[in-house]
PDB file of N, CA and C in Angstrom:
ATOM      1  N   MET A   1     -31.535 -64.876 212.766  1.00  0.00           N
ATOM      2  CA  MET A   1     -30.185 -65.405 212.693  1.00  0.00           C
ATOM      3  C   MET A   1     -29.314 -64.167 212.686  1.00  0.00           C
ATOM      4  N   ALA A   2     -28.322 -64.232 213.472  1.00  0.00           N
ATOM      5  CA  ALA A   2     -27.294 -63.148 213.577  1.00  0.00           C
ATOM      6  C   ALA A   2     -26.404 -63.130 212.300  1.00  0.00           C
ATOM      7  N   GLU A   3     -25.907 -61.951 212.025  1.00  0.00           N
ATOM      8  CA  GLU A   3     -25.068 -61.725 210.787  1.00  0.00           C
ATOM      9  C   GLU A   3     -23.857 -62.640 210.864  1.00  0.00           C
ATOM     10  N   GLY A   4     -23.166 -62.743 211.974  1.00  0.00           N
ATOM     11  CA  GLY A   4     -22.005 -63.612 212.085  1.00  0.00           C
ATOM     12  C   GLY A   4     -22.330 -65.121 211.813  1.00  0.00           C
ATOM     13  N   GLU A   5     -23.473 -65.574 212.357  1.00  0.00           N
ATOM     14  CA  GLU A   5     -23.929 -66.906 212.126  1.00  0.00           C
ATOM     15  C   GLU A   5     -24.159 -67.154 210.660  1.00  0.00           C
ATOM     16  N   PHE A   6     -24.854 -66.155 210.053  1.00  0.00           N
ATOM     17  CA  PHE A   6     -25.152 -66.231 208.635  1.00  0.00           C
ATOM     18  C   PHE A   6     -23.968 -66.314 207.747  1.00  0.00           C
ATOM     19  N   GLU A   7     -22.901 -65.483 208.018  1.00  0.00           N
ATOM     20  CA  GLU A   7     -21.630 -65.488 207.372  1.00  0.00           C
ATOM     21  C   GLU A   7     -20.906 -66.834 207.502  1.00  0.00           C
ATOM     22  N   GLU A   8     -20.915 -67.379 208.722  1.00  0.00           N
ATOM     23  CA  GLU A   8     -20.334 -68.767 208.976  1.00  0.00           C
ATOM     24  C   GLU A   8     -21.033 -69.773 208.143  1.00  0.00           C
ATOM     25  N   LEU A   9     -22.357 -69.824 208.132  1.00  0.00           N
ATOM     26  CA  LEU A   9     -23.110 -70.725 207.347  1.00  0.00           C
ATOM     27  C   LEU A   9     -22.910 -70.572 205.919  1.00  0.00           C
ATOM     28  N   LEU A  10     -22.757 -69.332 205.412  1.00  0.00           N
ATOM     29  CA  LEU A  10     -22.532 -69.170 204.034  1.00  0.00           C
ATOM     30  C   LEU A  10     -21.074 -69.675 203.675  1.00  0.00           C
ATOM     31  N   ALA A  11     -20.133 -69.444 204.525  1.00  0.00           N
ATOM     32  CA  ALA A  11     -18.784 -69.853 204.299  1.00  0.00           C
ATOM     33  C   ALA A  11     -18.688 -71.371 204.196  1.00  0.00           C
ATOM     34  N   ARG A  12     -19.392 -72.083 205.119  1.00  0.00           N
ATOM     35  CA  ARG A  12     -19.351 -73.529 205.103  1.00  0.00           C
ATOM     36  C   ARG A  12     -20.014 -74.049 203.851  1.00  0.00           C
ATOM     37  N   ALA A  13     -21.093 -73.397 203.460  1.00  0.00           N
ATOM     38  CA  ALA A  13     -21.836 -73.877 202.291  1.00  0.00           C
ATOM     39  C   ALA A  13     -20.952 -73.686 200.942  1.00  0.00           C
ATOM     40  N   ALA A  14     -20.263 -72.551 200.982  1.00  0.00           N
ATOM     41  CA  ALA A  14     -19.358 -72.262 199.860  1.00  0.00           C
ATOM     42  C   ALA A  14     -18.242 -73.226 199.719  1.00  0.00           C
ATOM     43  N   GLU A  15     -17.720 -73.595 200.917  1.00  0.00           N
ATOM     44  CA  GLU A  15     -16.542 -74.614 200.952  1.00  0.00           C
ATOM     45  C   GLU A  15     -17.133 -75.959 200.507  1.00  0.00           C
ATOM     46  N   ARG A  16     -18.198 -76.327 200.945  1.00  0.00           N
ATOM     47  CA  ARG A  16     -18.844 -77.625 200.586  1.00  0.00           C
ATOM     48  C   ARG A  16     -19.106 -77.605 199.086  1.00  0.00           C
ATOM     49  N   GLY A  17     -19.658 -76.563 198.549  1.00  0.00           N
ATOM     50  CA  GLY A  17     -19.918 -76.446 197.091  1.00  0.00           C
ATOM     51  C   GLY A  17     -18.615 -76.578 196.312  1.00  0.00           C
ATOM     52  N   ALA A  18     -17.583 -75.919 196.777  1.00  0.00           N
ATOM     53  CA  ALA A  18     -16.287 -75.898 196.066  1.00  0.00           C
ATOM     54  C   ALA A  18     -15.739 -77.260 196.065  1.00  0.00           C
ATOM     55  N   ARG A  19     -15.778 -77.916 197.238  1.00  0.00           N
ATOM     56  CA  ARG A  19     -15.278 -79.346 197.367  1.00  0.00           C
ATOM     57  C   ARG A  19     -16.056 -80.273 196.392  1.00  0.00           C
ATOM     58  N   ARG A  20     -17.378 -80.121 196.357  1.00  0.00           N
ATOM     59  CA  ARG A  20     -18.165 -80.903 195.530  1.00  0.00           C
ATOM     60  C   ARG A  20     -17.888 -80.682 193.989  1.00  0.00           C
ATOM     61  N   ALA A  21     -17.706 -79.446 193.644  1.00  0.00           N
ATOM     62  CA  ALA A  21     -17.380 -79.087 192.337  1.00  0.00           C
ATOM     63  C   ALA A  21     -16.072 -79.717 191.909  1.00  0.00           C
ATOM     64  N   LEU A  22     -15.064 -79.540 192.760  1.00  0.00           N
ATOM     65  CA  LEU A  22     -13.708 -80.146 192.428  1.00  0.00           C
ATOM     66  C   LEU A  22     -13.841 -81.676 192.344  1.00  0.00           C
ATOM     67  N   ALA A  23     -14.629 -82.287 193.220  1.00  0.00           N
ATOM     68  CA  ALA A  23     -14.801 -83.784 193.214  1.00  0.00           C
ATOM     69  C   ALA A  23     -15.439 -84.206 191.890  1.00  0.00           C
ATOM     70  N   ASP A  24     -16.429 -83.369 191.387  1.00  0.00           N
ATOM     71  CA  ASP A  24     -17.146 -83.716 190.171  1.00  0.00           C
ATOM     72  C   ASP A  24     -16.248 -83.718 188.960  1.00  0.00           C
ATOM     73  N   VAL A  25     -15.164 -82.930 188.996  1.00  0.00           N
ATOM     74  CA  VAL A  25     -14.243 -82.869 187.835  1.00  0.00           C
ATOM     75  C   VAL A  25     -12.996 -83.754 188.142  1.00  0.00           C
ATOM     76  N   GLY A  26     -12.922 -84.441 189.285  1.00  0.00           N
ATOM     77  CA  GLY A  26     -11.904 -85.392 189.536  1.00  0.00           C
ATOM     78  C   GLY A  26     -10.703 -84.749 190.157  1.00  0.00           C
ATOM     79  N   LEU A  27     -10.874 -83.463 190.708  1.00  0.00           N
ATOM     80  CA  LEU A  27      -9.763 -82.876 191.426  1.00  0.00           C
ATOM     81  C   LEU A  27     -10.049 -82.886 192.927  1.00  0.00           C
ATOM     82  N   GLU A  28      -9.932 -84.025 193.494  1.00  0.00           N
ATOM     83  CA  GLU A  28     -10.169 -84.139 194.973  1.00  0.00           C
ATOM     84  C   GLU A  28      -8.969 -84.828 195.599  1.00  0.00           C
ATOM     85  N   GLY A  29      -8.842 -84.671 196.960  1.00  0.00           N
ATOM     86  CA  GLY A  29      -7.819 -85.408 197.634  1.00  0.00           C
ATOM     87  C   GLY A  29      -6.532 -84.669 197.680  1.00  0.00           C
ATOM     88  N   LYS A  30      -5.521 -85.389 198.073  1.00  0.00           N
ATOM     89  CA  LYS A  30      -4.172 -84.826 198.301  1.00  0.00           C
ATOM     90  C   LYS A  30      -3.443 -84.424 197.004  1.00  0.00           C
ATOM     91  N   GLU A  31      -3.778 -85.090 195.922  1.00  0.00           N
ATOM     92  CA  GLU A  31      -3.133 -84.901 194.669  1.00  0.00           C
ATOM     93  C   GLU A  31      -3.790 -83.738 193.836  1.00  0.00           C
ATOM     94  N   ALA A  32      -4.817 -83.103 194.424  1.00  0.00           N
ATOM     95  CA  ALA A  32      -5.519 -82.029 193.652  1.00  0.00           C
ATOM     96  C   ALA A  32      -4.735 -80.918 193.297  1.00  0.00           C
ATOM     97  N   ALA A  33      -3.908 -80.452 194.274  1.00  0.00           N
ATOM     98  CA  ALA A  33      -3.014 -79.271 194.067  1.00  0.00           C
ATOM     99  C   ALA A  33      -1.991 -79.554 192.979  1.00  0.00           C
ATOM    100  N   LEU A  34      -1.453 -80.683 193.054  1.00  0.00           N
ATOM    101  CA  LEU A  34      -0.482 -81.188 192.049  1.00  0.00           C
ATOM    102  C   LEU A  34      -1.093 -81.237 190.622  1.00  0.00           C
ATOM    103  N   ASP A  35      -2.316 -81.799 190.580  1.00  0.00           N
ATOM    104  CA  ASP A  35      -3.040 -81.876 189.305  1.00  0.00           C
ATOM    105  C   ASP A  35      -3.293 -80.484 188.721  1.00  0.00           C
ATOM    106  N   ILE A  36      -3.690 -79.627 189.583  1.00  0.00           N
ATOM    107  CA  ILE A  36      -3.972 -78.206 189.100  1.00  0.00           C
ATOM    108  C   ILE A  36      -2.621 -77.532 188.556  1.00  0.00           C
ATOM    109  N   ARG A  37      -1.596 -77.706 189.354  1.00  0.00           N
ATOM    110  CA  ARG A  37      -0.279 -77.164 188.860  1.00  0.00           C
ATOM    111  C   ARG A  37       0.093 -77.808 187.529  1.00  0.00           C
ATOM    112  N   ASP A  38      -0.167 -79.065 187.364  1.00  0.00           N
ATOM    113  CA  ASP A  38       0.209 -79.769 186.105  1.00  0.00           C
ATOM    114  C   ASP A  38      -0.683 -79.238 184.974  1.00  0.00           C
ATOM    115  N   LEU A  39      -1.898 -78.951 185.221  1.00  0.00           N
ATOM    116  CA  LEU A  39      -2.853 -78.452 184.184  1.00  0.00           C
ATOM    117  C   LEU A  39      -2.376 -77.070 183.840  1.00  0.00           C
ATOM    118  N   ARG A  40      -1.995 -76.253 184.740  1.00  0.00           N
ATOM    119  CA  ARG A  40      -1.549 -74.863 184.497  1.00  0.00           C
ATOM    120  C   ARG A  40      -0.221 -74.963 183.668  1.00  0.00           C
ATOM    121  N   SER A  41       0.565 -75.911 183.916  1.00  0.00           N
ATOM    122  CA  SER A  41       1.907 -75.935 183.167  1.00  0.00           C
ATOM    123  C   SER A  41       1.568 -76.468 181.738  1.00  0.00           C
ATOM    124  N   LEU A  42       0.677 -77.339 181.625  1.00  0.00           N
ATOM    125  CA  LEU A  42       0.248 -77.856 180.321  1.00  0.00           C
ATOM    126  C   LEU A  42      -0.393 -76.650 179.469  1.00  0.00           C
ATOM    127  N   ILE A  43      -1.212 -75.938 180.059  1.00  0.00           N
ATOM    128  CA  ILE A  43      -1.845 -74.767 179.391  1.00  0.00           C
ATOM    129  C   ILE A  43      -0.726 -73.739 178.955  1.00  0.00           C
ATOM    130  N   GLU A  44       0.261 -73.531 179.821  1.00  0.00           N
ATOM    131  CA  GLU A  44       1.332 -72.639 179.559  1.00  0.00           C
ATOM    132  C   GLU A  44       2.135 -73.212 178.379  1.00  0.00           C
ATOM    133  N   TYR A  45       2.460 -74.436 178.321  1.00  0.00           N
ATOM    134  CA  TYR A  45       3.172 -75.074 177.205  1.00  0.00           C
ATOM    135  C   TYR A  45       2.354 -75.032 175.931  1.00  0.00           C
ATOM    136  N   ILE A  46       1.100 -75.186 175.881  1.00  0.00           N
ATOM    137  CA  ILE A  46       0.222 -75.109 174.837  1.00  0.00           C
ATOM    138  C   ILE A  46       0.257 -73.697 174.199  1.00  0.00           C
ATOM    139  N   ARG A  47       0.290 -72.625 175.156  1.00  0.00           N
ATOM    140  CA  ARG A  47       0.346 -71.310 174.679  1.00  0.00           C
ATOM    141  C   ARG A  47       1.752 -70.956 173.968  1.00  0.00           C
ATOM    142  N   PHE A  48       2.790 -71.532 174.665  1.00  0.00           N
ATOM    143  CA  PHE A  48       4.161 -71.421 174.079  1.00  0.00           C
ATOM    144  C   PHE A  48       4.244 -72.039 172.760  1.00  0.00           C
ATOM    145  N   VAL A  49       3.685 -73.203 172.571  1.00  0.00           N
ATOM    146  CA  VAL A  49       3.695 -73.880 171.247  1.00  0.00           C
ATOM    147  C   VAL A  49       2.975 -73.096 170.170  1.00  0.00           C
ATOM    148  N   ARG A  50       1.850 -72.653 170.530  1.00  0.00           N
ATOM    149  CA  ARG A  50       0.925 -71.837 169.631  1.00  0.00           C
ATOM    150  C   ARG A  50       1.723 -70.619 169.202  1.00  0.00           C
ATOM    151  N   ARG A  51       2.364 -69.891 170.135  1.00  0.00           N
ATOM    152  CA  ARG A  51       3.051 -68.685 169.837  1.00  0.00           C
ATOM    153  C   ARG A  51       4.233 -68.990 168.921  1.00  0.00           C
ATOM    154  N   THR A  52       4.973 -70.047 169.202  1.00  0.00           N
ATOM    155  CA  THR A  52       6.156 -70.433 168.422  1.00  0.00           C
ATOM    156  C   THR A  52       5.653 -70.866 166.991  1.00  0.00           C
ATOM    157  N   ALA A  53       4.557 -71.514 166.798  1.00  0.00           N
ATOM    158  CA  ALA A  53       4.048 -71.941 165.599  1.00  0.00           C
ATOM    159  C   ALA A  53       3.715 -70.740 164.731  1.00  0.00           C
ATOM    160  N   VAL A  54       3.081 -69.711 165.332  1.00  0.00           N
ATOM    161  CA  VAL A  54       2.650 -68.514 164.620  1.00  0.00           C
ATOM    162  C   VAL A  54       3.925 -67.748 164.183  1.00  0.00           C
ATOM    163  N   GLN A  55       4.939 -67.636 165.127  1.00  0.00           N
ATOM    164  CA  GLN A  55       6.194 -66.995 164.748  1.00  0.00           C
ATOM    165  C   GLN A  55       6.916 -67.728 163.542  1.00  0.00           C
ATOM    166  N   THR A  56       6.891 -69.080 163.592  1.00  0.00           N
ATOM    167  CA  THR A  56       7.594 -69.826 162.530  1.00  0.00           C
ATOM    168  C   THR A  56       6.750 -69.632 161.243  1.00  0.00           C
ATOM    169  N   ALA A  57       5.378 -69.654 161.253  1.00  0.00           N
ATOM    170  CA  ALA A  57       4.703 -69.380 159.984  1.00  0.00           C
ATOM    171  C   ALA A  57       4.938 -68.012 159.423  1.00  0.00           C
ATOM    172  N   VAL A  58       5.022 -66.993 160.196  1.00  0.00           N
ATOM    173  CA  VAL A  58       5.302 -65.663 159.825  1.00  0.00           C
ATOM    174  C   VAL A  58       6.684 -65.627 159.139  1.00  0.00           C
ATOM    175  N   ARG A  59       7.699 -66.216 159.821  1.00  0.00           N
ATOM    176  CA  ARG A  59       9.061 -66.250 159.214  1.00  0.00           C
ATOM    177  C   ARG A  59       9.030 -66.981 157.848  1.00  0.00           C
ATOM    178  N   LEU A  60       8.348 -68.108 157.789  1.00  0.00           N
ATOM    179  CA  LEU A  60       8.349 -68.827 156.531  1.00  0.00           C
ATOM    180  C   LEU A  60       7.642 -67.982 155.398  1.00  0.00           C
ATOM    181  N   ILE A  61       6.590 -67.389 155.685  1.00  0.00           N
ATOM    182  CA  ILE A  61       5.847 -66.541 154.679  1.00  0.00           C
ATOM    183  C   ILE A  61       6.787 -65.387 154.286  1.00  0.00           C
ATOM    184  N   THR A  62       7.399 -64.669 155.204  1.00  0.00           N
ATOM    185  CA  THR A  62       8.291 -63.595 154.905  1.00  0.00           C
ATOM    186  C   THR A  62       9.504 -64.050 154.107  1.00  0.00           C
ATOM    187  N   THR A  63      10.017 -65.126 154.406  1.00  0.00           N
ATOM    188  CA  THR A  63      11.127 -65.717 153.701  1.00  0.00           C
ATOM    189  C   THR A  63      10.729 -66.056 152.260  1.00  0.00           C
ATOM    190  N   GLY A  64       9.555 -66.608 152.094  1.00  0.00           N
ATOM    191  CA  GLY A  64       9.057 -66.946 150.789  1.00  0.00           C
ATOM    192  C   GLY A  64       8.816 -65.714 149.922  1.00  0.00           C
ATOM    193  N   ILE A  65       8.299 -64.665 150.512  1.00  0.00           N
ATOM    194  CA  ILE A  65       7.995 -63.435 149.761  1.00  0.00           C
ATOM    195  C   ILE A  65       9.333 -62.857 149.340  1.00  0.00           C
ATOM    196  N   LEU A  66      10.358 -62.841 150.335  1.00  0.00           N
ATOM    197  CA  LEU A  66      11.676 -62.261 149.938  1.00  0.00           C
ATOM    198  C   LEU A  66      12.329 -62.984 148.818  1.00  0.00           C
ATOM    199  N   LEU A  67      12.223 -64.389 148.890  1.00  0.00           N
ATOM    200  CA  LEU A  67      12.838 -65.186 147.853  1.00  0.00           C
ATOM    201  C   LEU A  67      12.184 -64.948 146.512  1.00  0.00           C
ATOM    202  N   ALA A  68      10.789 -64.780 146.479  1.00  0.00           N
ATOM    203  CA  ALA A  68      10.103 -64.505 145.211  1.00  0.00           C
ATOM    204  C   ALA A  68      10.522 -63.179 144.713  1.00  0.00           C
ATOM    205  N   LEU A  69      10.661 -62.197 145.549  1.00  0.00           N
ATOM    206  CA  LEU A  69      11.116 -60.911 145.050  1.00  0.00           C
ATOM    207  C   LEU A  69      12.529 -60.969 144.467  1.00  0.00           C
ATOM    208  N   LEU A  70      13.465 -61.704 145.174  1.00  0.00           N
ATOM    209  CA  LEU A  70      14.729 -61.806 144.674  1.00  0.00           C
ATOM    210  C   LEU A  70      14.799 -62.578 143.321  1.00  0.00           C
ATOM    211  N   ALA A  71      14.000 -63.555 143.181  1.00  0.00           N
ATOM    212  CA  ALA A  71      13.896 -64.383 141.945  1.00  0.00           C
ATOM    213  C   ALA A  71      13.408 -63.411 140.819  1.00  0.00           C
ATOM    214  N   GLY A  72      12.375 -62.656 141.177  1.00  0.00           N
ATOM    215  CA  GLY A  72      11.824 -61.727 140.170  1.00  0.00           C
ATOM    216  C   GLY A  72      12.882 -60.698 139.733  1.00  0.00           C
ATOM    217  N   ILE A  73      13.604 -60.181 140.611  1.00  0.00           N
ATOM    218  CA  ILE A  73      14.678 -59.224 140.331  1.00  0.00           C
ATOM    219  C   ILE A  73      15.740 -59.872 139.414  1.00  0.00           C
ATOM    220  N   ALA A  74      16.117 -61.118 139.799  1.00  0.00           N
ATOM    221  CA  ALA A  74      17.159 -61.780 139.008  1.00  0.00           C
ATOM    222  C   ALA A  74      16.712 -62.059 137.659  1.00  0.00           C
ATOM    223  N   ILE A  75      15.412 -62.439 137.453  1.00  0.00           N
ATOM    224  CA  ILE A  75      14.825 -62.737 136.162  1.00  0.00           C
ATOM    225  C   ILE A  75      14.811 -61.404 135.319  1.00  0.00           C
ATOM    226  N   LYS A  76      14.316 -60.323 135.974  1.00  0.00           N
ATOM    227  CA  LYS A  76      14.257 -59.074 135.406  1.00  0.00           C
ATOM    228  C   LYS A  76      15.578 -58.468 134.875  1.00  0.00           C
ATOM    229  N   LEU A  77      16.609 -58.760 135.684  1.00  0.00           N
ATOM    230  CA  LEU A  77      17.954 -58.297 135.250  1.00  0.00           C
ATOM    231  C   LEU A  77      18.685 -59.273 134.368  1.00  0.00           C
ATOM    232  N   LYS A  78      17.910 -60.366 134.096  1.00  0.00           N
ATOM    233  CA  LYS A  78      18.502 -61.391 133.218  1.00  0.00           C
ATOM    234  C   LYS A  78      19.847 -61.956 133.780  1.00  0.00           C
ATOM    235  N   LEU A  79      19.874 -62.248 135.003  1.00  0.00           N
ATOM    236  CA  LEU A  79      21.072 -62.817 135.681  1.00  0.00           C
ATOM    237  C   LEU A  79      21.159 -64.324 135.355  1.00  0.00           C
ATOM    238  N   PHE A  80      20.060 -64.954 135.010  1.00  0.00           N
ATOM    239  CA  PHE A  80      20.007 -66.326 134.710  1.00  0.00           C
ATOM    240  C   PHE A  80      19.562 -66.544 133.225  1.00  0.00           C
ATOM    241  N   GLY A  81      20.025 -67.510 132.643  1.00  0.00           N
ATOM    242  CA  GLY A  81      19.631 -67.811 131.235  1.00  0.00           C
ATOM    243  C   GLY A  81      20.811 -67.818 130.323  1.00  0.00           C
ATOM    244  N   ASN A  82      20.464 -67.679 129.002  1.00  0.00           N
ATOM    245  CA  ASN A  82      21.524 -67.775 128.070  1.00  0.00           C
ATOM    246  C   ASN A  82      22.123 -66.378 127.731  1.00  0.00           C
ATOM    247  N   GLY A  83      21.636 -65.386 128.418  1.00  0.00           N
ATOM    248  CA  GLY A  83      22.272 -64.019 128.178  1.00  0.00           C
ATOM    249  C   GLY A  83      21.750 -63.336 126.986  1.00  0.00           C
ATOM    250  N   SER A  84      20.625 -63.696 126.353  1.00  0.00           N
ATOM    251  CA  SER A  84      20.113 -63.080 125.108  1.00  0.00           C
ATOM    252  C   SER A  84      19.450 -61.779 125.446  1.00  0.00           C
TER     253      SER A  84
END
């Protein structure tokens, strides 16, 4: 078998295998490209939400620590209470 024929046979086999793999996961037909774009968008949004959640948690923890420090300073300086 000539090298060109072998490469053509290999290319057809790879294309058939790829089509079969996509069909096995339900990504076949004319809507497949749209489905893949939708999946990529969904993954992008999930990453965005995860990043935003982490940033929010860090901000909440930082704010809590700062408030605790301020409360400690206020108590130490006796800014609250009966003034004794």
